[in-house]
Amino acid sequence: MSDADKYWYNLKTGEVQQGFEAPSVDRAGPFDTAEEAARAPEIMRERSRAWAAEDAAEDD
């Protein structure tokens, strides 16, 4: 499956879209399923917390 066929979370509208409907600056993804794309904000928060924890551990 190419990225054009995958699901994306539109950061501007909060909608899940399939393919390249929105400009790249407004998209998060790609995701394999619409359900996963709908969880994009939660996934991004989880990843940000993990990266922050890794950075903090490296600074110690």
Protein backbone atom coordinates (compact mmCIF):
# COMPACT_ATOMS: atom_id res chain seq x y z
CA MET A 1 0.00 0.00 0.00
CA SER A 2 1.50 3.33 -1.00
CA ASP A 3 1.31 6.38 1.25
CA ALA A 4 -1.25 7.85 -1.14
CA ASP A 5 -3.61 5.02 -0.18
CA LYS A 6 -3.05 5.29 3.57
CA TYR A 7 -4.92 7.34 6.16
CA TRP A 8 -3.89 10.73 7.44
CA TYR A 9 -5.03 12.98 10.27
CA ASN A 10 -5.76 16.52 9.12
CA LEU A 11 -4.23 18.79 11.77
CA LYS A 12 -6.30 21.77 10.65
CA THR A 13 -9.75 20.16 10.58
CA GLY A 14 -9.28 17.18 12.92
CA GLU A 15 -10.66 14.86 10.26
CA VAL A 16 -9.31 11.53 9.05
CA GLN A 17 -8.60 11.49 5.34
CA GLN A 18 -7.43 8.87 2.91
CA GLY A 19 -4.68 9.90 0.54
CA PHE A 20 -3.16 13.30 -0.02
CA GLU A 21 -6.30 15.45 0.33
CA ALA A 22 -4.68 18.15 2.47
CA PRO A 23 -1.32 19.93 2.04
CA SER A 24 1.56 18.08 3.72
CA VAL A 25 1.95 20.72 6.46
CA ASP A 26 -1.62 19.97 7.57
CA ARG A 27 -1.26 16.15 7.65
CA ALA A 28 -0.01 13.70 10.28
CA GLY A 29 0.65 10.16 9.22
CA PRO A 30 0.54 7.95 7.36
CA PHE A 31 -1.50 5.40 9.28
CA ASP A 32 -2.63 1.97 8.11
CA THR A 33 -6.21 2.32 9.38
CA ALA A 34 -8.71 5.12 9.81
CA GLU A 35 -9.04 4.19 13.49
CA GLU A 36 -5.31 4.65 14.03
CA ALA A 37 -5.38 7.98 12.19
CA ALA A 38 -8.23 9.14 14.43
CA ARG A 39 -5.94 8.53 17.41
CA ALA A 40 -3.17 10.69 15.89
CA PRO A 41 -3.28 13.45 18.55
CA GLU A 42 -3.01 10.86 21.32
CA ILE A 43 -0.21 9.02 19.50
CA MET A 44 1.70 12.27 18.98
CA ARG A 45 1.37 13.16 22.69
CA GLU A 46 2.62 9.70 23.69
CA ARG A 47 5.62 9.97 21.36
CA SER A 48 6.42 13.48 22.57
CA ARG A 49 6.40 12.32 26.20
CA ALA A 50 8.65 9.37 25.33
CA TRP A 51 11.11 11.61 23.46
CA ALA A 52 11.14 14.11 26.34
CA ALA A 53 11.85 11.29 28.81
CA GLU A 54 14.69 10.01 26.59
CA ASP A 55 16.16 13.51 26.34
CA ALA A 56 15.94 13.97 30.10
CA ALA A 57 17.66 10.63 30.68
CA GLU A 58 20.46 11.59 28.28
CA ASP A 59 20.94 14.90 30.12
CA ASP A 60 21.44 13.14 33.49
